[in-house]
Each structure stands twice: as C-alpha cells, then as structure tokens.
Amino acid sequence: MFMRSPALVASAFFALVLPTPLAPPAPPRALIGHYNGNAGINTPLWDLTNGDVPAAVVALAPPLPAVFGPTVGNADNAKAVINQTWGPILNIGTCAGGPGAAIIRLRAAPISGPTVTLLGPCISQVLIGGVQLGQIVAAHNGIICNVPNQLVPPGALGSTWAAQAVVRGANSAGVPAIELSSTIYGVVGLAF
C-alpha cells in the first residue's frame, strides 16, 4: 500500500505549477554607457559623432548602462544589437599618438581599476574586468581608430560587455608609447 505525504504532495504541486525563475529578459533596446574612471586620465575616448555613445562619465564607479541615442544603426555602431554589426570609432589620445595599432579588449564588465604607468610613460586607468570575451586588433592613423565591424551573434542577447582599447603609438618625442582608452559598455539588445 502506498501512503502519500502531505509535504511530498505540496512539493510536487509547486514543482509542476510554479515556473522556475528565469534570467531577466533582455532589453528590447541595447543599453550603453561610457566611463573614464575616477580621475578622467585616459585620453583616447570613444567617439560621440554618430550619436550612439554618451559623453564619458568620471565617477568613483561606472554608472549603469542605459538606453541612449538613435533607434537605427549606422556603419559604425557602438551599441551591441543581435544580428547587427558592432564597430565603434575611437579618438586617439595625446600620449600614444602617430600611426600605430589598437587592441580592443572585450570583457564582461566595466570597473574602476588601478592606475598604471605604461610605456611612454603614459598614465592610464584599467576600466574593464571579468571574463575576457575577445579582442580585436585594428590600425589607427594617430587621430582615429575605426574598429572593424563584428557581427553580434543571437546567442549574445542579454549579455553584458565592456570594451577598452590598448593604444600603441609614439609620444611627442617619437618614443614608443602605450595608453588605455575610456570604456564603452552595455547590454546586448534586440534593437538600437
């Protein structure tokens, strides 16, 4: 003979009737933020020309990303939207000028990291942390770096990301130099 426990019946009921909690839904529009650390010392800044990058914020911690800018894409999207390309423009700073290369590192989150002295010497602040999602190498002409467009896959929907460039060039004396950019960051969305 089989006996039912009231506790067993209740737990079976909740398992069948109540849905398991899901991750929060992805934002319909992509979210974006722009952060330049707690001192604002990184001089390569992400370009504001296309209207999809907010002005850089200097604060103790990065503010939450938000809906910002146009609702349509352009040739150099800074917001990450699935099935669209991502490839923002970076304005080169004052320490590592002249032609060179930029390594755009993508990590999971913006941070207010340590201040470091790099080759040049250039003083910069680390502004990204967490799991490395990838990196892109692109040439720059000493004025701008147009990051090559990358397709944002559907599987990235709802993911957080943060991009910071390591800019290589030369200082005003022609000495090799390296500096870090501000960071743009956000959440991958369904639309701009």
N, C-alpha and C. Protein backbone atom coordinates (compact mmCIF):
# COMPACT_ATOMS: atom_id res chain seq x y z
N MET A 1 0.83 -1.17 0.00
CA MET A 1 0.00 0.00 0.00
C MET A 1 0.89 1.25 0.00
N PHE A 2 0.48 2.24 -0.77
CA PHE A 2 1.25 3.47 -0.93
C PHE A 2 0.60 4.57 -0.10
N MET A 3 1.44 5.28 0.70
CA MET A 3 0.92 6.39 1.51
C MET A 3 1.53 7.69 1.00
N ARG A 4 0.69 8.68 0.85
CA ARG A 4 1.16 9.98 0.37
C ARG A 4 1.45 10.90 1.55
N SER A 5 2.58 11.54 1.46
CA SER A 5 2.94 12.53 2.47
C SER A 5 2.40 13.89 2.01
N PRO A 6 1.75 14.65 2.92
CA PRO A 6 1.27 15.99 2.52
C PRO A 6 2.42 16.88 2.04
N ALA A 7 3.60 16.76 2.62
CA ALA A 7 4.74 17.57 2.20
C ALA A 7 5.17 17.20 0.80
N LEU A 8 5.15 15.90 0.49
CA LEU A 8 5.53 15.43 -0.84
C LEU A 8 4.53 15.93 -1.88
N VAL A 9 3.26 15.87 -1.56
CA VAL A 9 2.23 16.34 -2.48
C VAL A 9 2.39 17.84 -2.73
N ALA A 10 2.65 18.61 -1.67
CA ALA A 10 2.82 20.06 -1.82
C ALA A 10 4.03 20.38 -2.67
N SER A 11 5.15 19.70 -2.44
CA SER A 11 6.36 19.99 -3.23
C SER A 11 6.16 19.60 -4.69
N ALA A 12 5.44 18.50 -4.96
CA ALA A 12 5.17 18.11 -6.33
C ALA A 12 4.27 19.14 -7.01
N PHE A 13 3.29 19.67 -6.28
CA PHE A 13 2.40 20.68 -6.81
C PHE A 13 3.19 21.93 -7.22
N PHE A 14 4.05 22.41 -6.33
CA PHE A 14 4.82 23.61 -6.64
C PHE A 14 5.78 23.37 -7.80
N ALA A 15 6.34 22.18 -7.88
CA ALA A 15 7.27 21.88 -8.98
C ALA A 15 6.54 21.86 -10.32
N LEU A 16 5.29 21.42 -10.32
CA LEU A 16 4.54 21.34 -11.57
C LEU A 16 3.84 22.65 -11.94
N VAL A 17 3.36 23.37 -10.93
CA VAL A 17 2.55 24.55 -11.20
C VAL A 17 3.37 25.83 -11.31
N LEU A 18 4.32 26.02 -10.42
CA LEU A 18 5.08 27.27 -10.42
C LEU A 18 6.28 27.16 -11.35
N PRO A 19 6.44 28.11 -12.26
CA PRO A 19 7.59 28.06 -13.17
C PRO A 19 8.88 28.37 -12.41
N THR A 20 9.96 27.82 -12.90
CA THR A 20 11.25 28.13 -12.30
C THR A 20 11.63 29.54 -12.72
N PRO A 21 12.29 30.27 -11.83
CA PRO A 21 12.67 31.64 -12.19
C PRO A 21 13.63 31.63 -13.37
N LEU A 22 13.42 32.55 -14.26
CA LEU A 22 14.27 32.68 -15.45
C LEU A 22 15.16 33.90 -15.28
N ALA A 23 16.18 33.97 -16.12
CA ALA A 23 17.03 35.16 -16.13
C ALA A 23 16.17 36.34 -16.56
N PRO A 24 16.51 37.54 -16.12
CA PRO A 24 15.72 38.69 -16.54
C PRO A 24 15.72 38.80 -18.06
N PRO A 25 14.62 39.24 -18.64
CA PRO A 25 14.57 39.32 -20.11
C PRO A 25 15.58 40.34 -20.63
N ALA A 26 16.04 40.07 -21.83
CA ALA A 26 16.98 41.00 -22.47
C ALA A 26 16.25 42.30 -22.77
N PRO A 27 16.97 43.42 -22.72
CA PRO A 27 16.31 44.69 -23.01
C PRO A 27 15.91 44.74 -24.48
N PRO A 28 14.73 45.32 -24.78
CA PRO A 28 14.35 45.45 -26.18
C PRO A 28 15.35 46.31 -26.94
N ARG A 29 15.84 47.40 -26.30
CA ARG A 29 16.88 48.23 -26.91
C ARG A 29 18.19 47.97 -26.20
N ALA A 30 19.26 48.00 -26.96
CA ALA A 30 20.59 47.82 -26.38
C ALA A 30 20.88 48.93 -25.38
N LEU A 31 21.60 48.60 -24.31
CA LEU A 31 21.99 49.58 -23.31
C LEU A 31 23.47 49.92 -23.51
N ILE A 32 23.85 51.17 -23.22
CA ILE A 32 25.24 51.58 -23.39
C ILE A 32 25.62 52.61 -22.32
N GLY A 33 26.89 52.59 -21.95
CA GLY A 33 27.46 53.57 -21.03
C GLY A 33 28.87 53.91 -21.50
N HIS A 34 29.41 55.01 -20.99
CA HIS A 34 30.76 55.46 -21.36
C HIS A 34 31.42 55.98 -20.09
N TYR A 35 32.53 55.38 -19.69
CA TYR A 35 33.15 55.67 -18.39
C TYR A 35 34.63 55.96 -18.58
N ASN A 36 35.12 56.99 -17.88
CA ASN A 36 36.54 57.32 -17.94
C ASN A 36 37.17 57.32 -16.55
N GLY A 37 36.78 56.37 -15.73
CA GLY A 37 37.43 56.16 -14.45
C GLY A 37 37.10 57.21 -13.40
N ASN A 38 37.85 57.13 -12.30
CA ASN A 38 37.58 58.06 -11.20
C ASN A 38 38.42 59.33 -11.28
N ALA A 39 39.34 59.40 -12.26
CA ALA A 39 40.17 60.60 -12.39
C ALA A 39 40.10 61.21 -13.79
N GLY A 40 39.52 60.50 -14.76
CA GLY A 40 39.41 61.02 -16.12
C GLY A 40 40.74 61.18 -16.83
N ILE A 41 41.71 60.29 -16.54
CA ILE A 41 43.05 60.44 -17.10
C ILE A 41 43.27 59.76 -18.45
N ASN A 42 42.38 58.88 -18.86
CA ASN A 42 42.56 58.19 -20.14
C ASN A 42 42.15 59.12 -21.26
N THR A 43 43.09 59.49 -22.15
CA THR A 43 42.77 60.47 -23.19
C THR A 43 42.22 59.87 -24.49
N PRO A 44 42.49 58.62 -24.87
CA PRO A 44 41.75 58.09 -26.01
C PRO A 44 40.29 57.88 -25.57
N LEU A 45 39.37 58.55 -26.24
CA LEU A 45 37.95 58.47 -25.88
C LEU A 45 37.14 57.93 -27.05
N TRP A 46 36.09 57.19 -26.74
CA TRP A 46 35.20 56.68 -27.78
C TRP A 46 34.45 57.85 -28.40
N ASP A 47 34.31 57.83 -29.72
CA ASP A 47 33.77 58.94 -30.50
C ASP A 47 32.26 59.12 -30.30
N LEU A 48 31.83 60.38 -30.20
CA LEU A 48 30.43 60.73 -29.98
C LEU A 48 29.70 61.12 -31.26
N THR A 49 30.41 61.18 -32.39
CA THR A 49 29.88 61.73 -33.64
C THR A 49 28.58 61.10 -34.10
N ASN A 50 28.44 59.79 -34.04
CA ASN A 50 27.25 59.12 -34.56
C ASN A 50 26.06 59.20 -33.62
N GLY A 51 26.25 59.76 -32.44
CA GLY A 51 25.14 59.92 -31.51
C GLY A 51 24.75 58.68 -30.74
N ASP A 52 25.53 57.60 -30.87
CA ASP A 52 25.17 56.38 -30.15
C ASP A 52 26.08 56.10 -28.96
N VAL A 53 26.98 57.04 -28.63
CA VAL A 53 27.85 56.93 -27.46
C VAL A 53 27.61 58.16 -26.59
N PRO A 54 27.22 57.98 -25.33
CA PRO A 54 27.07 59.14 -24.45
C PRO A 54 28.43 59.72 -24.07
N ALA A 55 28.43 60.93 -23.57
CA ALA A 55 29.67 61.55 -23.10
C ALA A 55 30.26 60.70 -21.97
N ALA A 56 31.58 60.68 -21.88
CA ALA A 56 32.25 59.89 -20.84
C ALA A 56 31.96 60.47 -19.46
N VAL A 57 31.69 59.58 -18.52
CA VAL A 57 31.42 59.96 -17.13
C VAL A 57 32.68 59.69 -16.31
N VAL A 58 33.04 60.63 -15.45
CA VAL A 58 34.12 60.46 -14.49
C VAL A 58 33.45 60.36 -13.12
N ALA A 59 33.62 59.20 -12.46
CA ALA A 59 32.96 58.96 -11.17
C ALA A 59 33.71 57.85 -10.44
N LEU A 60 33.36 57.64 -9.19
CA LEU A 60 34.02 56.59 -8.40
C LEU A 60 33.78 55.20 -8.98
N ALA A 61 32.61 54.99 -9.61
CA ALA A 61 32.28 53.69 -10.20
C ALA A 61 31.51 53.94 -11.50
N PRO A 62 31.55 52.97 -12.42
CA PRO A 62 30.81 53.16 -13.68
C PRO A 62 29.30 53.20 -13.41
N PRO A 63 28.59 54.16 -14.00
CA PRO A 63 27.13 54.17 -13.85
C PRO A 63 26.51 53.02 -14.65
N LEU A 64 25.29 52.67 -14.32
CA LEU A 64 24.60 51.62 -15.06
C LEU A 64 24.41 52.05 -16.51
N PRO A 65 24.53 51.11 -17.47
CA PRO A 65 24.27 51.47 -18.86
C PRO A 65 22.78 51.78 -19.03
N ALA A 66 22.46 52.56 -20.05
CA ALA A 66 21.08 52.98 -20.27
C ALA A 66 20.76 53.02 -21.76
N VAL A 67 19.48 53.14 -22.06
CA VAL A 67 19.04 53.37 -23.43
C VAL A 67 19.56 54.75 -23.82
N PHE A 68 20.14 54.85 -25.01
CA PHE A 68 20.72 56.12 -25.43
C PHE A 68 20.77 56.18 -26.95
N GLY A 69 20.54 57.35 -27.50
CA GLY A 69 20.80 57.61 -28.91
C GLY A 69 19.75 57.13 -29.87
N PRO A 70 20.11 57.13 -31.16
CA PRO A 70 19.15 56.82 -32.21
C PRO A 70 18.63 55.39 -32.13
N THR A 71 17.47 55.19 -32.76
CA THR A 71 16.84 53.86 -32.78
C THR A 71 17.16 53.10 -34.06
N VAL A 72 18.08 53.63 -34.86
CA VAL A 72 18.54 52.94 -36.07
C VAL A 72 20.06 52.84 -36.01
N GLY A 73 20.58 51.84 -36.67
CA GLY A 73 22.02 51.65 -36.69
C GLY A 73 22.71 52.53 -37.71
N ASN A 74 24.03 52.43 -37.75
CA ASN A 74 24.83 53.17 -38.72
C ASN A 74 26.02 52.28 -39.10
N ALA A 75 26.94 52.80 -39.86
CA ALA A 75 28.08 51.99 -40.32
C ALA A 75 29.07 51.67 -39.20
N ASP A 76 29.02 52.41 -38.10
CA ASP A 76 29.98 52.23 -37.01
C ASP A 76 29.26 52.14 -35.67
N ASN A 77 28.43 51.14 -35.52
CA ASN A 77 27.60 51.01 -34.32
C ASN A 77 28.44 50.80 -33.06
N ALA A 78 28.14 51.57 -32.03
CA ALA A 78 28.78 51.38 -30.73
C ALA A 78 27.89 50.55 -29.81
N LYS A 79 26.58 50.54 -30.08
CA LYS A 79 25.66 49.72 -29.30
C LYS A 79 25.67 48.32 -29.88
N ALA A 80 25.55 47.32 -29.00
CA ALA A 80 25.57 45.92 -29.44
C ALA A 80 24.14 45.39 -29.58
N VAL A 81 23.76 45.06 -30.81
CA VAL A 81 22.43 44.55 -31.13
C VAL A 81 22.60 43.25 -31.90
N ILE A 82 21.82 42.22 -31.53
CA ILE A 82 21.97 40.93 -32.21
C ILE A 82 21.69 41.06 -33.70
N ASN A 83 22.42 40.27 -34.47
CA ASN A 83 22.33 40.22 -35.92
C ASN A 83 22.69 41.54 -36.60
N GLN A 84 23.36 42.44 -35.88
CA GLN A 84 23.85 43.70 -36.44
C GLN A 84 25.36 43.74 -36.19
N THR A 85 26.03 44.70 -36.80
CA THR A 85 27.48 44.80 -36.59
C THR A 85 27.80 45.80 -35.49
N TRP A 86 28.89 45.53 -34.80
CA TRP A 86 29.43 46.40 -33.76
C TRP A 86 30.82 46.81 -34.21
N GLY A 87 31.11 48.09 -34.24
CA GLY A 87 32.42 48.57 -34.68
C GLY A 87 32.55 50.05 -34.43
N PRO A 88 32.70 50.46 -33.17
CA PRO A 88 32.75 51.89 -32.85
C PRO A 88 34.04 52.57 -33.32
N ILE A 89 34.07 53.88 -33.17
CA ILE A 89 35.23 54.69 -33.53
C ILE A 89 35.88 55.19 -32.25
N LEU A 90 37.22 55.11 -32.21
CA LEU A 90 37.99 55.58 -31.06
C LEU A 90 38.82 56.78 -31.47
N ASN A 91 38.72 57.86 -30.71
CA ASN A 91 39.59 59.03 -30.93
C ASN A 91 40.88 58.77 -30.18
N ILE A 92 42.01 58.86 -30.87
CA ILE A 92 43.31 58.56 -30.27
C ILE A 92 43.70 59.69 -29.33
N GLY A 93 44.37 59.34 -28.25
CA GLY A 93 44.71 60.30 -27.19
C GLY A 93 45.94 61.13 -27.46
N THR A 94 46.54 61.62 -26.40
CA THR A 94 47.66 62.55 -26.51
C THR A 94 49.01 61.92 -26.21
N CYS A 95 49.05 60.77 -25.58
CA CYS A 95 50.33 60.18 -25.20
C CYS A 95 50.87 59.23 -26.26
N ALA A 96 50.02 58.37 -26.78
CA ALA A 96 50.45 57.39 -27.80
C ALA A 96 49.89 57.80 -29.14
N GLY A 97 50.40 58.90 -29.70
CA GLY A 97 49.92 59.39 -30.98
C GLY A 97 50.68 58.78 -32.14
N GLY A 98 50.54 59.40 -33.29
CA GLY A 98 51.19 58.87 -34.50
C GLY A 98 50.53 57.57 -34.92
N PRO A 99 50.82 57.10 -36.11
CA PRO A 99 50.22 55.84 -36.57
C PRO A 99 50.64 54.69 -35.65
N GLY A 100 49.75 53.74 -35.52
CA GLY A 100 50.04 52.58 -34.67
C GLY A 100 48.90 51.59 -34.72
N ALA A 101 48.76 50.84 -33.66
CA ALA A 101 47.71 49.82 -33.57
C ALA A 101 46.96 49.97 -32.25
N ALA A 102 45.73 49.53 -32.27
CA ALA A 102 44.93 49.48 -31.05
C ALA A 102 44.44 48.05 -30.88
N ILE A 103 44.51 47.57 -29.67
CA ILE A 103 43.95 46.26 -29.32
C ILE A 103 42.71 46.54 -28.49
N ILE A 104 41.55 46.26 -29.06
CA ILE A 104 40.30 46.50 -28.35
C ILE A 104 39.97 45.23 -27.59
N ARG A 105 40.02 45.33 -26.27
CA ARG A 105 39.74 44.17 -25.42
C ARG A 105 38.31 44.23 -24.94
N LEU A 106 37.62 43.11 -25.05
CA LEU A 106 36.24 42.99 -24.60
C LEU A 106 36.19 42.08 -23.39
N ARG A 107 35.65 42.61 -22.30
CA ARG A 107 35.47 41.84 -21.07
C ARG A 107 34.03 41.95 -20.63
N ALA A 108 33.71 41.28 -19.54
CA ALA A 108 32.32 41.18 -19.10
C ALA A 108 31.77 42.43 -18.42
N ALA A 109 32.62 43.29 -17.85
CA ALA A 109 32.09 44.40 -17.06
C ALA A 109 33.04 45.59 -17.01
N PRO A 110 32.48 46.79 -16.85
CA PRO A 110 33.32 47.96 -16.58
C PRO A 110 33.70 47.97 -15.11
N ILE A 111 34.89 48.46 -14.80
CA ILE A 111 35.34 48.57 -13.41
C ILE A 111 36.10 49.88 -13.23
N SER A 112 36.32 50.25 -11.99
CA SER A 112 37.23 51.35 -11.67
C SER A 112 38.49 50.68 -11.14
N GLY A 113 39.40 50.36 -12.04
CA GLY A 113 40.59 49.59 -11.70
C GLY A 113 41.77 50.46 -11.31
N PRO A 114 42.93 49.82 -11.22
CA PRO A 114 44.12 50.56 -10.80
C PRO A 114 44.64 51.51 -11.88
N THR A 115 45.37 52.52 -11.42
CA THR A 115 46.09 53.42 -12.32
C THR A 115 47.44 52.80 -12.58
N VAL A 116 47.86 52.80 -13.85
CA VAL A 116 49.13 52.17 -14.22
C VAL A 116 49.96 53.14 -15.06
N THR A 117 51.28 53.00 -14.98
CA THR A 117 52.18 53.75 -15.84
C THR A 117 52.68 52.81 -16.91
N LEU A 118 52.39 53.15 -18.16
CA LEU A 118 52.75 52.32 -19.30
C LEU A 118 53.91 52.95 -20.07
N LEU A 119 54.36 52.28 -21.09
CA LEU A 119 55.46 52.74 -21.93
C LEU A 119 55.18 54.15 -22.43
N GLY A 120 56.15 55.02 -22.36
CA GLY A 120 55.99 56.38 -22.89
C GLY A 120 56.65 57.47 -22.09
N PRO A 121 56.46 57.67 -20.85
CA PRO A 121 55.48 57.00 -19.99
C PRO A 121 54.08 57.61 -20.16
N CYS A 122 53.08 56.76 -20.17
CA CYS A 122 51.68 57.17 -20.25
C CYS A 122 50.96 56.65 -19.01
N ILE A 123 50.24 57.51 -18.34
CA ILE A 123 49.49 57.10 -17.15
C ILE A 123 48.04 56.86 -17.56
N SER A 124 47.53 55.68 -17.23
CA SER A 124 46.17 55.28 -17.62
C SER A 124 45.52 54.52 -16.47
N GLN A 125 44.21 54.32 -16.60
CA GLN A 125 43.47 53.54 -15.61
C GLN A 125 42.81 52.36 -16.29
N VAL A 126 42.92 51.18 -15.66
CA VAL A 126 42.26 49.97 -16.15
C VAL A 126 40.77 50.12 -15.85
N LEU A 127 39.92 49.92 -16.89
CA LEU A 127 38.49 50.17 -16.73
C LEU A 127 37.60 48.99 -17.10
N ILE A 128 38.19 47.82 -17.40
CA ILE A 128 37.36 46.64 -17.69
C ILE A 128 37.86 45.47 -16.87
N GLY A 129 36.96 44.55 -16.55
CA GLY A 129 37.33 43.39 -15.78
C GLY A 129 36.38 42.23 -16.05
N GLY A 130 36.64 41.14 -15.38
CA GLY A 130 35.81 39.96 -15.58
C GLY A 130 36.33 39.10 -16.70
N VAL A 131 35.52 38.18 -17.13
CA VAL A 131 35.88 37.21 -18.16
C VAL A 131 36.20 37.93 -19.47
N GLN A 132 37.31 37.55 -20.11
CA GLN A 132 37.64 38.13 -21.41
C GLN A 132 36.75 37.49 -22.46
N LEU A 133 36.05 38.33 -23.22
CA LEU A 133 35.13 37.86 -24.26
C LEU A 133 35.80 37.81 -25.63
N GLY A 134 36.87 38.56 -25.79
CA GLY A 134 37.58 38.58 -27.07
C GLY A 134 38.42 39.82 -27.19
N GLN A 135 39.10 39.93 -28.33
CA GLN A 135 39.86 41.14 -28.62
C GLN A 135 39.95 41.31 -30.13
N ILE A 136 40.09 42.57 -30.53
CA ILE A 136 40.16 42.95 -31.94
C ILE A 136 41.37 43.85 -32.11
N VAL A 137 42.19 43.57 -33.10
CA VAL A 137 43.35 44.42 -33.39
C VAL A 137 43.00 45.27 -34.61
N ALA A 138 43.26 46.58 -34.49
CA ALA A 138 42.95 47.49 -35.59
C ALA A 138 44.03 48.56 -35.69
N ALA A 139 44.31 48.98 -36.90
CA ALA A 139 45.29 50.05 -37.12
C ALA A 139 44.64 51.39 -36.81
N HIS A 140 45.47 52.38 -36.40
CA HIS A 140 44.98 53.75 -36.24
C HIS A 140 45.97 54.69 -36.92
N ASN A 141 45.49 55.86 -37.28
CA ASN A 141 46.32 56.83 -38.01
C ASN A 141 46.87 57.95 -37.12
N GLY A 142 46.74 57.78 -35.80
CA GLY A 142 47.18 58.81 -34.87
C GLY A 142 46.09 59.78 -34.49
N ILE A 143 44.95 59.70 -35.20
CA ILE A 143 43.82 60.58 -34.91
C ILE A 143 42.60 59.75 -34.51
N ILE A 144 42.24 58.77 -35.35
CA ILE A 144 41.11 57.89 -35.03
C ILE A 144 41.47 56.44 -35.31
N CYS A 145 40.70 55.57 -34.69
CA CYS A 145 40.78 54.13 -34.97
C CYS A 145 39.35 53.68 -35.24
N ASN A 146 39.11 53.21 -36.45
CA ASN A 146 37.79 52.70 -36.81
C ASN A 146 37.82 51.19 -36.58
N VAL A 147 37.19 50.74 -35.51
CA VAL A 147 37.20 49.32 -35.15
C VAL A 147 36.47 48.53 -36.24
N PRO A 148 37.10 47.49 -36.80
CA PRO A 148 36.43 46.69 -37.84
C PRO A 148 35.11 46.12 -37.31
N ASN A 149 34.08 46.19 -38.15
CA ASN A 149 32.76 45.71 -37.75
C ASN A 149 32.76 44.21 -37.45
N GLN A 150 32.09 43.87 -36.35
CA GLN A 150 31.95 42.49 -35.91
C GLN A 150 30.46 42.17 -35.79
N LEU A 151 30.03 41.03 -36.33
CA LEU A 151 28.63 40.63 -36.23
C LEU A 151 28.34 40.19 -34.80
N VAL A 152 27.26 40.70 -34.21
CA VAL A 152 26.85 40.31 -32.86
C VAL A 152 25.92 39.10 -32.99
N PRO A 153 26.32 37.94 -32.47
CA PRO A 153 25.51 36.72 -32.65
C PRO A 153 24.25 36.72 -31.79
N PRO A 154 23.20 36.02 -32.23
CA PRO A 154 21.97 35.95 -31.46
C PRO A 154 22.16 35.40 -30.05
N GLY A 155 23.13 34.51 -29.87
CA GLY A 155 23.39 33.93 -28.56
C GLY A 155 23.90 34.92 -27.54
N ALA A 156 24.29 36.11 -27.98
CA ALA A 156 24.80 37.13 -27.05
C ALA A 156 23.69 37.97 -26.42
N LEU A 157 22.45 37.77 -26.85
CA LEU A 157 21.33 38.56 -26.36
C LEU A 157 21.30 38.59 -24.83
N GLY A 158 21.25 39.78 -24.26
CA GLY A 158 21.18 39.94 -22.81
C GLY A 158 22.53 39.91 -22.11
N SER A 159 23.61 39.68 -22.85
CA SER A 159 24.96 39.61 -22.26
C SER A 159 25.50 41.01 -21.98
N THR A 160 26.29 41.10 -20.92
CA THR A 160 26.98 42.35 -20.63
C THR A 160 28.34 42.33 -21.32
N TRP A 161 28.85 43.50 -21.64
CA TRP A 161 30.15 43.62 -22.30
C TRP A 161 30.76 44.97 -21.94
N ALA A 162 32.07 45.04 -22.04
CA ALA A 162 32.80 46.30 -21.83
C ALA A 162 34.03 46.27 -22.72
N ALA A 163 34.29 47.38 -23.41
CA ALA A 163 35.43 47.47 -24.33
C ALA A 163 36.38 48.58 -23.90
N GLN A 164 37.67 48.26 -23.88
CA GLN A 164 38.71 49.25 -23.62
C GLN A 164 39.86 48.96 -24.58
N ALA A 165 40.40 50.00 -25.18
CA ALA A 165 41.49 49.83 -26.14
C ALA A 165 42.85 50.06 -25.48
N VAL A 166 43.81 49.25 -25.90
CA VAL A 166 45.22 49.45 -25.59
C VAL A 166 45.80 50.08 -26.85
N VAL A 167 46.15 51.36 -26.77
CA VAL A 167 46.60 52.11 -27.95
C VAL A 167 48.12 52.16 -27.97
N ARG A 168 48.70 51.72 -29.10
CA ARG A 168 50.15 51.76 -29.28
C ARG A 168 50.49 52.82 -30.31
N GLY A 169 51.51 53.60 -30.03
CA GLY A 169 51.94 54.65 -30.95
C GLY A 169 53.26 55.20 -30.46
N ALA A 170 53.43 56.51 -30.55
CA ALA A 170 54.65 57.17 -30.08
C ALA A 170 54.28 58.48 -29.41
N ASN A 171 55.08 58.86 -28.41
CA ASN A 171 54.82 60.14 -27.74
C ASN A 171 55.36 61.28 -28.60
N SER A 172 55.26 62.51 -28.13
CA SER A 172 55.66 63.68 -28.93
C SER A 172 57.16 63.69 -29.25
N ALA A 173 57.97 62.96 -28.48
CA ALA A 173 59.41 62.87 -28.73
C ALA A 173 59.75 61.71 -29.66
N GLY A 174 58.72 61.01 -30.15
CA GLY A 174 58.95 59.88 -31.04
C GLY A 174 59.27 58.58 -30.32
N VAL A 175 59.16 58.57 -29.00
CA VAL A 175 59.43 57.37 -28.19
C VAL A 175 58.19 56.48 -28.21
N PRO A 176 58.34 55.16 -28.41
CA PRO A 176 57.18 54.27 -28.37
C PRO A 176 56.37 54.47 -27.09
N ALA A 177 55.05 54.44 -27.25
CA ALA A 177 54.16 54.70 -26.12
C ALA A 177 52.92 53.81 -26.20
N ILE A 178 52.35 53.53 -25.03
CA ILE A 178 51.11 52.75 -24.92
C ILE A 178 50.22 53.45 -23.91
N GLU A 179 48.94 53.62 -24.26
CA GLU A 179 47.98 54.15 -23.30
C GLU A 179 46.64 53.43 -23.44
N LEU A 180 45.81 53.54 -22.40
CA LEU A 180 44.50 52.90 -22.38
C LEU A 180 43.40 53.92 -22.67
N SER A 181 42.32 53.46 -23.29
CA SER A 181 41.19 54.33 -23.61
C SER A 181 40.17 54.34 -22.47
N SER A 182 39.15 55.19 -22.65
CA SER A 182 37.97 55.11 -21.80
C SER A 182 37.28 53.78 -22.14
N THR A 183 36.20 53.46 -21.46
CA THR A 183 35.49 52.22 -21.78
C THR A 183 34.05 52.54 -22.19
N ILE A 184 33.59 51.83 -23.23
CA ILE A 184 32.16 51.81 -23.51
C ILE A 184 31.70 50.42 -23.10
N TYR A 185 30.47 50.33 -22.65
CA TYR A 185 29.97 49.06 -22.11
C TYR A 185 28.47 49.04 -22.22
N GLY A 186 27.89 47.86 -22.05
CA GLY A 186 26.44 47.80 -22.13
C GLY A 186 25.89 46.41 -22.02
N VAL A 187 24.66 46.28 -22.52
CA VAL A 187 23.95 45.00 -22.55
C VAL A 187 23.46 44.81 -23.98
N VAL A 188 23.70 43.62 -24.54
CA VAL A 188 23.28 43.32 -25.91
C VAL A 188 21.76 43.28 -25.96
N GLY A 189 21.19 44.01 -26.93
CA GLY A 189 19.74 44.09 -27.04
C GLY A 189 19.19 43.58 -28.36
N LEU A 190 17.88 43.71 -28.51
CA LEU A 190 17.19 43.29 -29.72
C LEU A 190 17.13 44.39 -30.77
N ALA A 191 17.28 45.64 -30.33
CA ALA A 191 17.18 46.78 -31.25
C ALA A 191 18.06 47.91 -30.75
N PHE A 192 18.30 48.88 -31.61
CA PHE A 192 19.12 50.04 -31.26
C PHE A 192 18.37 50.95 -30.32
